[in-house]
Amino acid sequence: MKKSFFILVFILVFIFLSYNVMAHCPLCTIGAGAAAAGAVWLGVQKVAVAVLIGGFAMSMGMWFARLIKKRWNYFKGQDWVVIMGVFLLTVLPLLPIIGQTTGFYFNLGGSYGSLMNRTYVLNLSLFSSLLGGIIVYFSPPLSKRITKLRGNKMIPFQGIILTIFLLIVAGGIVHFVV
């Protein structure tokens, strides 16, 4: 009870003392995280949930990179380091939970065990989380392009709708293909 109280007080102090920041897309971040939680609740395959987790991780990385860049700009390429750091620190610890692996046999002749004749193991969840990260990374430019093609007319919440739609479609494709 005492530990829970201190955690709650810490979170409240952190919220009330934080600066007002324009984040990359807090609604996209929350939406991707909620979609991943909802997919788990609905019983979607782990490899499909990894698409949503990858999108969540990329969105968090872009959000933190923008937050840090507003306050400190130490070196060129800092955004990429922060984005990849947050992405990897979010996805890699979750791989034991959401990991789904498969093996494939690569045969170019010769005896088994030689370099050109082995069975390799792929972590499908890592690849699908990379797919989700790529979708989230390229959704804002795609949204801007759609707006430009429509004569600078934007649908309300167009970026959020596009991002969540693409993540759900990619997750659905991965769910039924794998």
Protein backbone atom coordinates (compact mmCIF):
# COMPACT_ATOMS: atom_id res chain seq x y z
CA MET A 1 0.00 0.00 0.00
CA LYS A 2 2.78 2.39 0.96
CA LYS A 3 4.73 1.64 -2.23
CA SER A 4 1.65 2.25 -4.42
CA PHE A 5 1.06 5.58 -2.71
CA PHE A 6 4.63 6.76 -3.41
CA ILE A 7 4.38 5.69 -7.05
CA LEU A 8 1.11 7.58 -7.45
CA VAL A 9 2.58 10.71 -5.81
CA PHE A 10 5.65 10.50 -8.07
CA ILE A 11 3.51 10.23 -11.21
CA LEU A 12 1.30 13.16 -10.16
CA VAL A 13 4.31 15.35 -9.32
CA PHE A 14 5.91 14.42 -12.64
CA ILE A 15 2.74 15.33 -14.55
CA PHE A 16 2.18 18.66 -12.80
CA LEU A 17 5.82 19.79 -13.00
CA SER A 18 6.37 18.85 -16.65
CA TYR A 19 6.61 21.48 -19.36
CA ASN A 20 3.99 21.92 -22.05
CA VAL A 21 5.43 20.11 -25.08
CA MET A 22 4.09 19.68 -28.58
CA ALA A 23 4.77 16.00 -29.09
CA HIS A 24 5.14 14.13 -32.35
CA CYS A 25 1.72 12.61 -32.09
CA PRO A 26 0.52 11.67 -28.61
CA LEU A 27 -2.82 10.43 -29.95
CA CYS A 28 -1.04 8.13 -32.40
CA THR A 29 1.13 6.84 -29.58
CA ILE A 30 -1.86 6.15 -27.35
CA GLY A 31 -3.83 4.73 -30.29
CA ALA A 32 -1.08 2.27 -31.26
CA GLY A 33 -0.68 1.16 -27.65
CA ALA A 34 -4.43 0.75 -27.20
CA ALA A 35 -4.68 -1.18 -30.47
CA ALA A 36 -1.95 -3.57 -29.27
CA ALA A 37 -3.72 -4.09 -25.93
CA GLY A 38 -7.04 -4.62 -27.70
CA ALA A 39 -5.50 -7.11 -30.11
CA VAL A 40 -4.07 -9.16 -27.25
CA TRP A 41 -7.47 -9.11 -25.55
CA LEU A 42 -9.13 -10.32 -28.77
CA GLY A 43 -6.66 -13.19 -29.14
CA VAL A 44 -4.73 -11.97 -32.17
CA GLN A 45 -1.48 -13.80 -32.94
CA LYS A 46 1.65 -12.49 -31.27
CA VAL A 47 3.34 -11.71 -34.57
CA ALA A 48 0.45 -9.43 -35.56
CA VAL A 49 0.49 -7.69 -32.18
CA ALA A 50 4.20 -7.03 -32.77
CA VAL A 51 3.22 -4.79 -35.72
CA LEU A 52 1.24 -2.60 -33.32
CA ILE A 53 3.99 -2.67 -30.69
CA GLY A 54 6.53 -1.63 -33.34
CA GLY A 55 4.26 1.26 -34.30
CA PHE A 56 3.92 2.22 -30.65
CA ALA A 57 7.69 2.06 -30.14
CA MET A 58 8.43 4.19 -33.21
CA SER A 59 5.85 6.76 -32.20
CA MET A 60 7.33 6.94 -28.70
CA GLY A 61 10.80 7.32 -30.18
CA MET A 62 9.73 10.17 -32.45
CA TRP A 63 7.91 11.77 -29.55
CA PHE A 64 10.96 11.63 -27.25
CA ALA A 65 13.30 12.81 -30.01
CA ARG A 66 11.23 15.90 -30.52
CA LEU A 67 11.02 16.54 -26.76
CA ILE A 68 14.78 16.26 -26.33
CA LYS A 69 15.54 18.36 -29.43
CA LYS A 70 13.45 21.22 -28.05
CA ARG A 71 15.56 21.37 -24.90
CA TRP A 72 18.99 20.06 -25.93
CA ASN A 73 20.64 19.57 -29.28
CA TYR A 74 23.98 17.91 -28.68
CA PHE A 75 25.04 16.40 -32.02
CA LYS A 76 23.98 15.84 -35.61
CA GLY A 77 21.84 12.76 -35.99
CA GLN A 78 20.63 12.93 -32.40
CA ASP A 79 17.05 12.35 -33.51
CA TRP A 80 17.93 9.00 -35.11
CA VAL A 81 19.88 7.85 -32.07
CA VAL A 82 16.96 8.69 -29.77
CA ILE A 83 14.37 7.15 -32.10
CA MET A 84 16.32 3.92 -32.56
CA GLY A 85 17.22 3.77 -28.87
CA VAL A 86 13.61 4.09 -27.74
CA PHE A 87 12.44 1.69 -30.46
CA LEU A 88 14.96 -0.99 -29.50
CA LEU A 89 14.51 -0.47 -25.75
CA THR A 90 10.76 -0.94 -26.22
CA VAL A 91 10.72 -3.85 -28.68
CA LEU A 92 13.69 -6.00 -27.61
CA PRO A 93 12.57 -6.56 -23.99
CA LEU A 94 9.12 -7.58 -25.25
CA LEU A 95 10.42 -10.18 -27.73
CA PRO A 96 10.48 -13.00 -25.15
CA ILE A 97 6.78 -12.32 -24.55
CA ILE A 98 5.60 -11.65 -28.11
CA GLY A 99 8.32 -13.56 -29.94
CA GLN A 100 7.33 -15.93 -32.70
CA THR A 101 10.15 -17.64 -34.57
CA THR A 102 10.35 -19.82 -37.63
CA GLY A 103 13.14 -21.73 -39.28
CA PHE A 104 14.00 -21.98 -42.93
CA TYR A 105 16.38 -24.32 -44.65
CA PHE A 106 18.89 -22.66 -46.98
CA ASN A 107 20.38 -25.21 -49.39
CA LEU A 108 22.90 -24.42 -52.09
CA GLY A 109 24.40 -27.87 -52.14
CA GLY A 110 27.03 -29.59 -50.08
CA SER A 111 26.78 -31.28 -46.73
CA TYR A 112 24.50 -30.12 -43.95
CA GLY A 113 26.22 -27.67 -41.64
CA SER A 114 28.36 -26.00 -44.27
CA LEU A 115 27.95 -22.24 -44.66
CA MET A 116 25.72 -22.56 -47.72
CA ASN A 117 23.61 -25.42 -46.38
CA ARG A 118 22.06 -24.59 -43.00
CA THR A 119 18.80 -24.01 -41.19
CA TYR A 120 18.35 -20.41 -40.07
CA VAL A 121 15.93 -19.11 -37.46
CA LEU A 122 14.06 -15.84 -38.02
CA ASN A 123 12.25 -13.91 -35.33
CA LEU A 124 9.03 -13.00 -37.12
CA SER A 125 7.95 -10.67 -34.32
CA LEU A 126 11.09 -8.57 -34.76
CA PHE A 127 10.40 -8.21 -38.48
CA SER A 128 6.74 -7.39 -37.96
CA SER A 129 7.60 -4.79 -35.29
CA LEU A 130 10.01 -3.22 -37.79
CA LEU A 131 7.12 -3.13 -40.27
CA GLY A 132 4.96 -1.32 -37.72
CA GLY A 133 7.77 1.14 -37.03
CA ILE A 134 8.20 1.86 -40.74
CA ILE A 135 4.46 2.46 -41.12
CA VAL A 136 4.42 4.97 -38.26
CA TYR A 137 7.57 6.69 -39.51
CA PHE A 138 6.17 7.22 -43.02
CA SER A 139 2.56 8.01 -42.07
CA PRO A 140 3.05 11.78 -41.46
CA PRO A 141 4.66 12.40 -44.90
CA LEU A 142 1.97 10.25 -46.50
CA SER A 143 -0.72 12.25 -44.73
CA LYS A 144 0.85 15.50 -45.98
CA ARG A 145 0.94 14.11 -49.51
CA ILE A 146 -2.73 13.11 -49.34
CA THR A 147 -3.57 16.62 -48.11
CA LYS A 148 -1.62 18.14 -50.99
CA LEU A 149 -3.37 15.87 -53.53
CA ARG A 150 -6.75 16.93 -52.13
CA GLY A 151 -5.97 20.60 -52.71
CA ASN A 152 -4.75 21.30 -49.15
CA LYS A 153 -7.99 19.98 -47.66
CA MET A 154 -7.53 17.82 -44.60
CA ILE A 155 -9.93 15.39 -42.98
CA PRO A 156 -10.18 15.96 -39.21
CA PHE A 157 -7.68 13.64 -37.45
CA GLN A 158 -6.42 12.48 -40.86
CA GLY A 159 -2.94 11.56 -39.60
CA ILE A 160 -4.26 9.52 -36.69
CA ILE A 161 -6.85 7.74 -38.83
CA LEU A 162 -4.27 6.94 -41.51
CA THR A 163 -1.69 5.64 -39.03
CA ILE A 164 -4.10 3.42 -37.08
CA PHE A 165 -5.74 2.19 -40.31
CA LEU A 166 -2.39 1.21 -41.85
CA LEU A 167 -1.25 -0.50 -38.64
CA ILE A 168 -4.47 -2.51 -38.37
CA VAL A 169 -4.37 -3.51 -42.05
CA ALA A 170 -0.72 -4.57 -41.78
CA GLY A 171 -1.47 -6.44 -38.54
CA GLY A 172 -4.41 -8.20 -40.20
CA ILE A 173 -2.31 -9.23 -43.19
CA VAL A 174 0.46 -10.53 -40.93
CA HIS A 175 -2.11 -12.35 -38.76
CA PHE A 176 -3.59 -14.26 -41.68
CA VAL A 177 -0.39 -14.83 -43.68
CA VAL A 178 1.75 -16.09 -40.81
